[in-house]
Amino acid sequence: MKRWLKRNLPAAGVIRASGRFGVFGKLLHDPNLWHLNRHSVSGATAVGCFVMFLPPFGQSLIAAAAAIVLRVNLPISVALVWVTNPVTIPPVFYFTYRLGCWMLGIEPGEFALEYWLDWHHWLAVIWPLALGNLVCGILCSGLGYLTIQQIWRRRLMRRIRERRERYRASASRDNRPSSNRQT
């Protein structure tokens, strides 16, 4: 997983050089923002999954700020925000709106373009949408964190098991010392 992430994520210098996150200045030079370890990647997943349920204005900057404050992997947290893009936002936010209506015991508005374009209905939509987004953000964030932790741990345990098997196989193959000095 670590090799795949290193191969597919942009380098630290590329992100530092882009003007997009210039607001953060010297804070981008913290090496913890670029580490690829279990805690950094799972924390970045949690940040990205939570921020993707926020309103779509400045999500990347919010994810970057949260990654800097929490000292988790910056590129992963910013990249995960783009799961909610202009194509996926309408179904995701409609689902969170329906969830919020269900939690508040409110009858959801009709699924018609005229209803959603009329600003008089927006106040009735904001609270269920905000509650649904908060609940989905917390659940998705926690689930993402735990999933990455488990995937990373299983991969590590498999590598340890393979290493032990290789060691046992080499030890049973030849019972002689590994160097001339031990003879």
N, C-alpha and C. Protein backbone atom coordinates (compact mmCIF):
# COMPACT_ATOMS: atom_id res chain seq x y z
N MET A 1 0.83 -1.19 0.00
CA MET A 1 0.00 0.00 0.00
C MET A 1 0.87 1.26 0.00
N LYS A 2 1.93 1.19 0.78
CA LYS A 2 2.81 2.35 0.88
C LYS A 2 3.46 2.65 -0.46
N ARG A 3 3.90 1.61 -1.18
CA ARG A 3 4.51 1.82 -2.49
C ARG A 3 3.52 2.40 -3.47
N TRP A 4 2.29 1.91 -3.44
CA TRP A 4 1.26 2.42 -4.34
C TRP A 4 0.98 3.89 -4.06
N LEU A 5 0.87 4.25 -2.78
CA LEU A 5 0.63 5.64 -2.41
C LEU A 5 1.80 6.53 -2.85
N LYS A 6 3.02 6.08 -2.63
CA LYS A 6 4.18 6.89 -3.04
C LYS A 6 4.21 7.10 -4.54
N ARG A 7 3.80 6.08 -5.28
CA ARG A 7 3.82 6.16 -6.73
C ARG A 7 2.74 7.10 -7.25
N ASN A 8 1.58 7.17 -6.60
CA ASN A 8 0.44 7.91 -7.12
C ASN A 8 0.20 9.27 -6.50
N LEU A 9 0.79 9.56 -5.36
CA LEU A 9 0.60 10.87 -4.74
C LEU A 9 1.62 11.88 -5.27
N PRO A 10 1.24 13.14 -5.35
CA PRO A 10 2.21 14.15 -5.79
C PRO A 10 3.30 14.34 -4.75
N ALA A 11 4.46 14.73 -5.21
CA ALA A 11 5.59 14.96 -4.32
C ALA A 11 5.36 16.22 -3.49
N ALA A 12 6.04 16.28 -2.37
CA ALA A 12 5.89 17.43 -1.47
C ALA A 12 6.28 18.73 -2.16
N GLY A 13 7.34 18.70 -2.96
CA GLY A 13 7.80 19.90 -3.65
C GLY A 13 6.79 20.43 -4.65
N VAL A 14 6.07 19.53 -5.29
CA VAL A 14 5.05 19.94 -6.26
C VAL A 14 3.93 20.69 -5.55
N ILE A 15 3.50 20.19 -4.43
CA ILE A 15 2.40 20.84 -3.69
C ILE A 15 2.88 22.16 -3.09
N ARG A 16 4.11 22.16 -2.57
CA ARG A 16 4.65 23.41 -2.01
C ARG A 16 4.78 24.48 -3.07
N ALA A 17 5.15 24.07 -4.28
CA ALA A 17 5.37 25.03 -5.37
C ALA A 17 4.06 25.56 -5.95
N SER A 18 2.99 24.79 -5.83
CA SER A 18 1.71 25.27 -6.38
C SER A 18 1.20 26.42 -5.52
N GLY A 19 0.60 27.38 -6.14
CA GLY A 19 0.10 28.54 -5.42
C GLY A 19 -1.19 28.26 -4.67
N ARG A 20 -1.75 27.10 -4.87
CA ARG A 20 -3.05 26.77 -4.29
C ARG A 20 -3.03 26.78 -2.76
N PHE A 21 -1.96 26.26 -2.19
CA PHE A 21 -1.87 26.18 -0.74
C PHE A 21 -0.81 27.12 -0.19
N GLY A 22 -0.53 28.18 -0.91
CA GLY A 22 0.45 29.17 -0.48
C GLY A 22 0.05 29.88 0.79
N VAL A 23 -1.21 29.82 1.14
CA VAL A 23 -1.72 30.44 2.36
C VAL A 23 -1.02 29.86 3.58
N PHE A 24 -0.63 28.60 3.49
CA PHE A 24 -0.06 27.92 4.65
C PHE A 24 1.44 28.14 4.80
N GLY A 25 2.08 28.68 3.76
CA GLY A 25 3.48 29.08 3.82
C GLY A 25 4.42 28.03 4.37
N LYS A 26 5.13 28.38 5.44
CA LYS A 26 6.16 27.52 6.03
C LYS A 26 5.58 26.28 6.70
N LEU A 27 4.30 26.29 6.99
CA LEU A 27 3.70 25.13 7.63
C LEU A 27 3.77 23.89 6.75
N LEU A 28 3.89 24.07 5.44
CA LEU A 28 3.96 22.94 4.52
C LEU A 28 5.31 22.23 4.57
N HIS A 29 6.27 22.79 5.29
CA HIS A 29 7.59 22.18 5.37
C HIS A 29 7.68 21.16 6.51
N ASP A 30 6.62 20.95 7.25
CA ASP A 30 6.60 19.95 8.31
C ASP A 30 6.65 18.56 7.68
N PRO A 31 7.65 17.75 7.99
CA PRO A 31 7.77 16.43 7.36
C PRO A 31 6.63 15.48 7.71
N ASN A 32 5.96 15.71 8.82
CA ASN A 32 4.85 14.83 9.20
C ASN A 32 3.69 14.89 8.20
N LEU A 33 3.61 15.97 7.46
CA LEU A 33 2.52 16.10 6.48
C LEU A 33 2.73 15.21 5.27
N TRP A 34 3.91 14.66 5.12
CA TRP A 34 4.24 13.88 3.92
C TRP A 34 4.55 12.43 4.24
N HIS A 35 4.56 12.04 5.51
CA HIS A 35 4.86 10.66 5.89
C HIS A 35 3.75 9.72 5.43
N LEU A 36 4.16 8.52 5.08
CA LEU A 36 3.20 7.48 4.73
C LEU A 36 3.34 6.34 5.73
N ASN A 37 2.70 6.50 6.86
CA ASN A 37 2.64 5.42 7.83
C ASN A 37 1.18 5.19 8.21
N ARG A 38 0.94 4.18 8.98
CA ARG A 38 -0.43 3.78 9.29
C ARG A 38 -1.22 4.89 9.96
N HIS A 39 -0.64 5.57 10.89
CA HIS A 39 -1.37 6.61 11.62
C HIS A 39 -1.61 7.85 10.76
N SER A 40 -0.63 8.22 9.97
CA SER A 40 -0.77 9.40 9.13
C SER A 40 -1.81 9.19 8.02
N VAL A 41 -1.77 8.03 7.39
CA VAL A 41 -2.70 7.75 6.31
C VAL A 41 -4.12 7.56 6.83
N SER A 42 -4.27 6.86 7.94
CA SER A 42 -5.62 6.67 8.49
C SER A 42 -6.18 7.99 9.02
N GLY A 43 -5.35 8.83 9.61
CA GLY A 43 -5.80 10.14 10.05
C GLY A 43 -6.19 11.03 8.88
N ALA A 44 -5.41 10.97 7.81
CA ALA A 44 -5.74 11.75 6.62
C ALA A 44 -7.03 11.26 5.98
N THR A 45 -7.26 9.96 6.02
CA THR A 45 -8.51 9.41 5.51
C THR A 45 -9.69 9.92 6.33
N ALA A 46 -9.53 9.95 7.63
CA ALA A 46 -10.60 10.47 8.49
C ALA A 46 -10.87 11.94 8.20
N VAL A 47 -9.83 12.73 8.05
CA VAL A 47 -10.00 14.16 7.76
C VAL A 47 -10.70 14.34 6.41
N GLY A 48 -10.21 13.66 5.39
CA GLY A 48 -10.79 13.80 4.06
C GLY A 48 -12.24 13.34 3.99
N CYS A 49 -12.53 12.24 4.67
CA CYS A 49 -13.91 11.73 4.66
C CYS A 49 -14.86 12.66 5.42
N PHE A 50 -14.38 13.31 6.45
CA PHE A 50 -15.25 14.24 7.16
C PHE A 50 -15.48 15.51 6.35
N VAL A 51 -14.42 16.05 5.80
CA VAL A 51 -14.50 17.33 5.08
C VAL A 51 -15.30 17.19 3.79
N MET A 52 -15.33 16.00 3.19
CA MET A 52 -16.07 15.87 1.93
C MET A 52 -17.57 16.03 2.12
N PHE A 53 -18.05 15.97 3.36
CA PHE A 53 -19.47 16.18 3.62
C PHE A 53 -19.78 17.62 4.02
N LEU A 54 -18.78 18.48 4.04
CA LEU A 54 -19.02 19.90 4.29
C LEU A 54 -19.50 20.56 3.00
N PRO A 55 -20.08 21.75 3.08
CA PRO A 55 -20.47 22.44 1.84
C PRO A 55 -19.27 22.59 0.91
N PRO A 56 -19.51 22.54 -0.39
CA PRO A 56 -18.41 22.43 -1.35
C PRO A 56 -17.60 23.69 -1.60
N PHE A 57 -17.63 24.64 -0.72
CA PHE A 57 -16.88 25.88 -0.91
C PHE A 57 -15.62 25.85 -0.05
N GLY A 58 -14.47 25.69 -0.67
CA GLY A 58 -13.21 25.69 0.06
C GLY A 58 -12.90 24.39 0.78
N GLN A 59 -13.44 23.27 0.30
CA GLN A 59 -13.18 22.00 0.97
C GLN A 59 -11.70 21.64 0.99
N SER A 60 -11.00 21.91 -0.10
CA SER A 60 -9.58 21.56 -0.16
C SER A 60 -8.78 22.35 0.87
N LEU A 61 -9.09 23.62 1.01
CA LEU A 61 -8.37 24.43 2.00
C LEU A 61 -8.70 24.01 3.42
N ILE A 62 -9.95 23.64 3.67
CA ILE A 62 -10.34 23.17 5.00
C ILE A 62 -9.63 21.85 5.31
N ALA A 63 -9.59 20.94 4.33
CA ALA A 63 -8.90 19.67 4.53
C ALA A 63 -7.40 19.88 4.75
N ALA A 64 -6.81 20.81 4.01
CA ALA A 64 -5.38 21.09 4.19
C ALA A 64 -5.13 21.68 5.58
N ALA A 65 -5.97 22.60 6.00
CA ALA A 65 -5.80 23.19 7.34
C ALA A 65 -5.95 22.14 8.44
N ALA A 66 -6.94 21.26 8.29
CA ALA A 66 -7.14 20.21 9.29
C ALA A 66 -5.96 19.24 9.28
N ALA A 67 -5.43 18.91 8.11
CA ALA A 67 -4.28 18.00 8.04
C ALA A 67 -3.06 18.63 8.70
N ILE A 68 -2.88 19.93 8.52
CA ILE A 68 -1.74 20.61 9.13
C ILE A 68 -1.88 20.65 10.65
N VAL A 69 -3.07 20.95 11.12
CA VAL A 69 -3.30 21.02 12.57
C VAL A 69 -3.14 19.63 13.20
N LEU A 70 -3.70 18.60 12.56
CA LEU A 70 -3.65 17.25 13.11
C LEU A 70 -2.38 16.49 12.75
N ARG A 71 -1.54 17.10 11.88
CA ARG A 71 -0.27 16.53 11.46
C ARG A 71 -0.45 15.14 10.85
N VAL A 72 -1.34 15.08 9.86
CA VAL A 72 -1.57 13.86 9.09
C VAL A 72 -1.20 14.13 7.64
N ASN A 73 -1.23 13.10 6.82
CA ASN A 73 -0.80 13.22 5.43
C ASN A 73 -1.67 14.21 4.67
N LEU A 74 -1.04 15.26 4.18
CA LEU A 74 -1.75 16.34 3.49
C LEU A 74 -2.31 15.93 2.13
N PRO A 75 -1.54 15.30 1.24
CA PRO A 75 -2.10 14.97 -0.07
C PRO A 75 -3.30 14.03 -0.01
N ILE A 76 -3.27 13.08 0.89
CA ILE A 76 -4.40 12.14 0.99
C ILE A 76 -5.64 12.84 1.49
N SER A 77 -5.50 13.68 2.49
CA SER A 77 -6.68 14.36 3.03
C SER A 77 -7.30 15.29 1.99
N VAL A 78 -6.49 15.97 1.20
CA VAL A 78 -7.01 16.86 0.17
C VAL A 78 -7.60 16.06 -1.00
N ALA A 79 -6.97 14.97 -1.36
CA ALA A 79 -7.47 14.16 -2.49
C ALA A 79 -8.81 13.52 -2.16
N LEU A 80 -9.01 13.09 -0.94
CA LEU A 80 -10.28 12.44 -0.59
C LEU A 80 -11.46 13.40 -0.63
N VAL A 81 -11.20 14.67 -0.49
CA VAL A 81 -12.28 15.65 -0.56
C VAL A 81 -12.96 15.61 -1.92
N TRP A 82 -12.19 15.27 -2.96
CA TRP A 82 -12.72 15.29 -4.31
C TRP A 82 -13.59 14.09 -4.64
N VAL A 83 -13.88 13.25 -3.65
CA VAL A 83 -14.90 12.21 -3.85
C VAL A 83 -16.24 12.90 -4.10
N THR A 84 -16.48 13.99 -3.38
CA THR A 84 -17.67 14.78 -3.67
C THR A 84 -17.26 15.88 -4.64
N ASN A 85 -17.58 15.65 -5.88
CA ASN A 85 -17.27 16.59 -6.95
C ASN A 85 -18.59 17.06 -7.56
N PRO A 86 -18.58 17.92 -8.54
CA PRO A 86 -19.85 18.42 -9.10
C PRO A 86 -20.79 17.32 -9.60
N VAL A 87 -20.27 16.16 -9.94
CA VAL A 87 -21.13 15.07 -10.40
C VAL A 87 -21.74 14.32 -9.23
N THR A 88 -20.98 14.13 -8.16
CA THR A 88 -21.47 13.31 -7.05
C THR A 88 -22.15 14.10 -5.94
N ILE A 89 -21.98 15.40 -5.90
CA ILE A 89 -22.58 16.18 -4.82
C ILE A 89 -24.11 16.08 -4.78
N PRO A 90 -24.82 16.22 -5.90
CA PRO A 90 -26.28 16.15 -5.80
C PRO A 90 -26.82 14.85 -5.18
N PRO A 91 -26.38 13.67 -5.61
CA PRO A 91 -26.93 12.47 -4.95
C PRO A 91 -26.47 12.32 -3.51
N VAL A 92 -25.23 12.68 -3.22
CA VAL A 92 -24.72 12.54 -1.85
C VAL A 92 -25.47 13.49 -0.92
N PHE A 93 -25.60 14.75 -1.33
CA PHE A 93 -26.27 15.71 -0.47
C PHE A 93 -27.77 15.44 -0.38
N TYR A 94 -28.38 14.89 -1.41
CA TYR A 94 -29.80 14.53 -1.31
C TYR A 94 -29.98 13.39 -0.32
N PHE A 95 -29.06 12.43 -0.34
CA PHE A 95 -29.11 11.34 0.64
C PHE A 95 -28.96 11.89 2.06
N THR A 96 -27.99 12.79 2.26
CA THR A 96 -27.79 13.33 3.61
C THR A 96 -28.98 14.19 4.03
N TYR A 97 -29.61 14.87 3.07
CA TYR A 97 -30.82 15.63 3.38
C TYR A 97 -31.94 14.70 3.83
N ARG A 98 -32.13 13.60 3.10
CA ARG A 98 -33.17 12.62 3.47
C ARG A 98 -32.88 12.01 4.84
N LEU A 99 -31.61 11.73 5.10
CA LEU A 99 -31.23 11.19 6.41
C LEU A 99 -31.53 12.19 7.51
N GLY A 100 -31.19 13.45 7.29
CA GLY A 100 -31.48 14.49 8.28
C GLY A 100 -32.96 14.66 8.51
N CYS A 101 -33.75 14.60 7.44
CA CYS A 101 -35.22 14.68 7.60
C CYS A 101 -35.73 13.51 8.42
N TRP A 102 -35.21 12.33 8.15
CA TRP A 102 -35.64 11.15 8.89
C TRP A 102 -35.27 11.29 10.37
N MET A 103 -34.07 11.79 10.66
CA MET A 103 -33.63 11.94 12.05
C MET A 103 -34.43 13.01 12.79
N LEU A 104 -34.83 14.07 12.08
CA LEU A 104 -35.60 15.14 12.71
C LEU A 104 -37.10 14.87 12.69
N GLY A 105 -37.52 13.84 11.97
CA GLY A 105 -38.94 13.53 11.88
C GLY A 105 -39.70 14.50 10.98
N ILE A 106 -39.02 15.05 9.99
CA ILE A 106 -39.61 16.01 9.06
C ILE A 106 -39.91 15.30 7.75
N GLU A 107 -40.98 15.68 7.13
CA GLU A 107 -41.30 15.15 5.80
C GLU A 107 -40.38 15.81 4.78
N PRO A 108 -39.60 15.03 4.00
CA PRO A 108 -38.69 15.64 3.04
C PRO A 108 -39.44 16.30 1.89
N GLY A 109 -38.81 17.33 1.33
CA GLY A 109 -39.39 18.04 0.19
C GLY A 109 -39.39 17.16 -1.04
N GLU A 110 -40.18 17.53 -2.00
CA GLU A 110 -40.28 16.74 -3.22
C GLU A 110 -38.99 16.85 -4.03
N PHE A 111 -38.79 15.84 -4.85
CA PHE A 111 -37.59 15.82 -5.68
C PHE A 111 -37.93 16.43 -7.03
N ALA A 112 -38.00 17.75 -7.04
CA ALA A 112 -38.30 18.49 -8.27
C ALA A 112 -37.37 19.69 -8.33
N LEU A 113 -36.93 20.00 -9.52
CA LEU A 113 -35.97 21.10 -9.70
C LEU A 113 -36.55 22.43 -9.24
N GLU A 114 -37.82 22.63 -9.47
CA GLU A 114 -38.45 23.90 -9.06
C GLU A 114 -38.40 24.08 -7.54
N TYR A 115 -38.59 22.98 -6.82
CA TYR A 115 -38.56 23.04 -5.35
C TYR A 115 -37.17 23.48 -4.88
N TRP A 116 -36.11 22.91 -5.45
CA TRP A 116 -34.76 23.17 -4.98
C TRP A 116 -34.23 24.53 -5.45
N LEU A 117 -34.76 25.05 -6.53
CA LEU A 117 -34.31 26.35 -7.02
C LEU A 117 -35.02 27.52 -6.34
N ASP A 118 -36.14 27.26 -5.71
CA ASP A 118 -36.87 28.32 -5.02
C ASP A 118 -36.20 28.57 -3.66
N TRP A 119 -35.67 29.76 -3.46
CA TRP A 119 -34.91 30.06 -2.25
C TRP A 119 -35.78 30.05 -0.99
N HIS A 120 -37.09 30.12 -1.13
CA HIS A 120 -37.96 30.06 0.04
C HIS A 120 -37.88 28.71 0.75
N HIS A 121 -37.52 27.67 0.04
CA HIS A 121 -37.42 26.32 0.61
C HIS A 121 -36.05 26.06 1.23
N TRP A 122 -35.10 26.92 0.99
CA TRP A 122 -33.75 26.65 1.46
C TRP A 122 -33.64 26.61 2.97
N LEU A 123 -34.38 27.46 3.67
CA LEU A 123 -34.31 27.44 5.14
C LEU A 123 -34.86 26.14 5.70
N ALA A 124 -35.84 25.56 5.03
CA ALA A 124 -36.38 24.29 5.48
C ALA A 124 -35.43 23.14 5.18
N VAL A 125 -34.52 23.35 4.26
CA VAL A 125 -33.60 22.29 3.84
C VAL A 125 -32.29 22.33 4.63
N ILE A 126 -31.90 23.50 5.11
CA ILE A 126 -30.57 23.66 5.72
C ILE A 126 -30.37 22.78 6.94
N TRP A 127 -31.32 22.77 7.88
CA TRP A 127 -31.11 22.00 9.11
C TRP A 127 -31.06 20.50 8.88
N PRO A 128 -31.98 19.92 8.11
CA PRO A 128 -31.84 18.48 7.86
C PRO A 128 -30.57 18.15 7.08
N LEU A 129 -30.21 19.01 6.13
CA LEU A 129 -29.00 18.78 5.35
C LEU A 129 -27.76 18.86 6.25
N ALA A 130 -27.70 19.85 7.11
CA ALA A 130 -26.55 20.00 8.00
C ALA A 130 -26.43 18.81 8.96
N LEU A 131 -27.56 18.39 9.51
CA LEU A 131 -27.53 17.24 10.42
C LEU A 131 -27.12 15.97 9.68
N GLY A 132 -27.69 15.74 8.51
CA GLY A 132 -27.32 14.57 7.72
C GLY A 132 -25.86 14.58 7.32
N ASN A 133 -25.34 15.75 6.92
CA ASN A 133 -23.93 15.86 6.57
C ASN A 133 -23.04 15.60 7.77
N LEU A 134 -23.41 16.12 8.93
CA LEU A 134 -22.61 15.90 10.14
C LEU A 134 -22.57 14.43 10.51
N VAL A 135 -23.73 13.78 10.50
CA VAL A 135 -23.78 12.36 10.85
C VAL A 135 -23.01 11.52 9.85
N CYS A 136 -23.22 11.77 8.56
CA CYS A 136 -22.49 11.01 7.52
C CYS A 136 -21.00 11.29 7.58
N GLY A 137 -20.61 12.53 7.85
CA GLY A 137 -19.20 12.87 7.96
C GLY A 137 -18.54 12.14 9.12
N ILE A 138 -19.19 12.10 10.26
CA ILE A 138 -18.63 11.41 11.42
C ILE A 138 -18.54 9.91 11.17
N LEU A 139 -19.62 9.33 10.63
CA LEU A 139 -19.62 7.88 10.37
C LEU A 139 -18.59 7.50 9.30
N CYS A 140 -18.55 8.24 8.23
CA CYS A 140 -17.61 7.95 7.14
C CYS A 140 -16.17 8.15 7.61
N SER A 141 -15.96 9.18 8.40
CA SER A 141 -14.63 9.45 8.93
C SER A 141 -14.15 8.32 9.83
N GLY A 142 -14.99 7.91 10.75
CA GLY A 142 -14.63 6.81 11.65
C GLY A 142 -14.44 5.50 10.92
N LEU A 143 -15.32 5.22 9.98
CA LEU A 143 -15.21 3.99 9.20
C LEU A 143 -13.96 3.99 8.33
N GLY A 144 -13.64 5.13 7.72
CA GLY A 144 -12.43 5.24 6.91
C GLY A 144 -11.17 5.05 7.75
N TYR A 145 -11.15 5.66 8.93
CA TYR A 145 -10.00 5.52 9.83
C TYR A 145 -9.79 4.06 10.22
N LEU A 146 -10.86 3.41 10.67
CA LEU A 146 -10.75 2.01 11.10
C LEU A 146 -10.40 1.08 9.94
N THR A 147 -10.95 1.35 8.77
CA THR A 147 -10.66 0.51 7.60
C THR A 147 -9.19 0.59 7.22
N ILE A 148 -8.64 1.78 7.15
CA ILE A 148 -7.23 1.93 6.80
C ILE A 148 -6.35 1.31 7.88
N GLN A 149 -6.70 1.47 9.13
CA GLN A 149 -5.93 0.85 10.21
C GLN A 149 -5.90 -0.68 10.03
N GLN A 150 -7.06 -1.26 9.74
CA GLN A 150 -7.14 -2.72 9.59
C GLN A 150 -6.39 -3.20 8.35
N ILE A 151 -6.56 -2.51 7.22
CA ILE A 151 -5.86 -2.91 6.00
C ILE A 151 -4.36 -2.84 6.21
N TRP A 152 -3.88 -1.78 6.83
CA TRP A 152 -2.46 -1.61 7.06
C TRP A 152 -1.94 -2.68 8.01
N ARG A 153 -2.70 -2.95 9.06
CA ARG A 153 -2.29 -3.95 10.05
C ARG A 153 -2.24 -5.34 9.44
N ARG A 154 -3.25 -5.69 8.65
CA ARG A 154 -3.26 -7.02 8.01
C ARG A 154 -2.08 -7.17 7.05
N ARG A 155 -1.80 -6.14 6.30
CA ARG A 155 -0.67 -6.19 5.38
C ARG A 155 0.64 -6.35 6.15
N LEU A 156 0.80 -5.65 7.24
CA LEU A 156 1.99 -5.76 8.06
C LEU A 156 2.12 -7.17 8.65
N MET A 157 1.03 -7.71 9.15
CA MET A 157 1.06 -9.05 9.74
C MET A 157 1.40 -10.10 8.68
N ARG A 158 0.90 -9.93 7.46
CA ARG A 158 1.21 -10.86 6.38
C ARG A 158 2.70 -10.78 6.03
N ARG A 159 3.25 -9.57 5.98
CA ARG A 159 4.67 -9.43 5.68
C ARG A 159 5.53 -10.05 6.77
N ILE A 160 5.14 -9.90 8.03
CA ILE A 160 5.89 -10.51 9.13
C ILE A 160 5.81 -12.03 9.03
N ARG A 161 4.63 -12.55 8.74
CA ARG A 161 4.45 -14.00 8.59
C ARG A 161 5.31 -14.54 7.44
N GLU A 162 5.32 -13.85 6.30
CA GLU A 162 6.13 -14.28 5.16
C GLU A 162 7.61 -14.24 5.49
N ARG A 163 8.03 -13.23 6.22
CA ARG A 163 9.44 -13.12 6.61
C ARG A 163 9.83 -14.27 7.52
N ARG A 164 8.97 -14.62 8.48
CA ARG A 164 9.24 -15.76 9.37
C ARG A 164 9.33 -17.06 8.59
N GLU A 165 8.42 -17.24 7.64
CA GLU A 165 8.43 -18.46 6.83
C GLU A 165 9.71 -18.55 6.00
N ARG A 166 10.14 -17.43 5.43
CA ARG A 166 11.39 -17.42 4.67
C ARG A 166 12.57 -17.76 5.57
N TYR A 167 12.57 -17.21 6.78
CA TYR A 167 13.65 -17.47 7.72
C TYR A 167 13.67 -18.95 8.12
N ARG A 168 12.51 -19.50 8.43
CA ARG A 168 12.42 -20.92 8.81
C ARG A 168 12.85 -21.82 7.65
N ALA A 169 12.44 -21.46 6.43
CA ALA A 169 12.81 -22.28 5.27
C ALA A 169 14.30 -22.23 5.04
N SER A 170 14.92 -21.07 5.18
CA SER A 170 16.37 -20.99 4.97
C SER A 170 17.12 -21.66 6.11
N ALA A 171 16.60 -21.61 7.32
CA ALA A 171 17.26 -22.23 8.46
C ALA A 171 17.17 -23.75 8.37
N SER A 172 16.06 -24.28 7.88
CA SER A 172 15.91 -25.73 7.80
C SER A 172 16.65 -26.30 6.59
N ARG A 173 16.86 -25.49 5.57
CA ARG A 173 17.55 -25.94 4.37
C ARG A 173 19.01 -26.26 4.64
N ASP A 174 19.65 -25.37 5.32
CA ASP A 174 21.05 -25.62 5.63
C ASP A 174 21.28 -25.31 7.10
N ASN A 175 21.77 -26.30 7.80
CA ASN A 175 22.00 -26.14 9.24
C ASN A 175 23.42 -25.69 9.53
N ARG A 176 24.09 -25.22 8.53
CA ARG A 176 25.45 -24.76 8.76
C ARG A 176 25.42 -23.27 9.09
N PRO A 177 26.46 -22.75 9.66
CA PRO A 177 26.51 -21.33 10.04
C PRO A 177 26.42 -20.42 8.82
N SER A 178 25.97 -19.23 9.03
CA SER A 178 25.76 -18.29 7.94
C SER A 178 27.05 -17.61 7.49
N SER A 179 28.12 -17.73 8.24
CA SER A 179 29.39 -17.13 7.84
C SER A 179 30.54 -18.03 8.24
N ASN A 180 31.67 -17.78 7.68
CA ASN A 180 32.86 -18.59 7.98
C ASN A 180 33.36 -18.36 9.39
N ARG A 181 33.09 -17.21 9.95
CA ARG A 181 33.59 -16.89 11.29
C ARG A 181 32.92 -17.75 12.36
N GLN A 182 31.72 -18.27 12.06
CA GLN A 182 31.00 -19.05 13.07
C GLN A 182 31.40 -20.51 13.06
N THR A 183 32.28 -20.94 12.17
CA THR A 183 32.67 -22.35 12.11
C THR A 183 33.78 -22.69 13.05
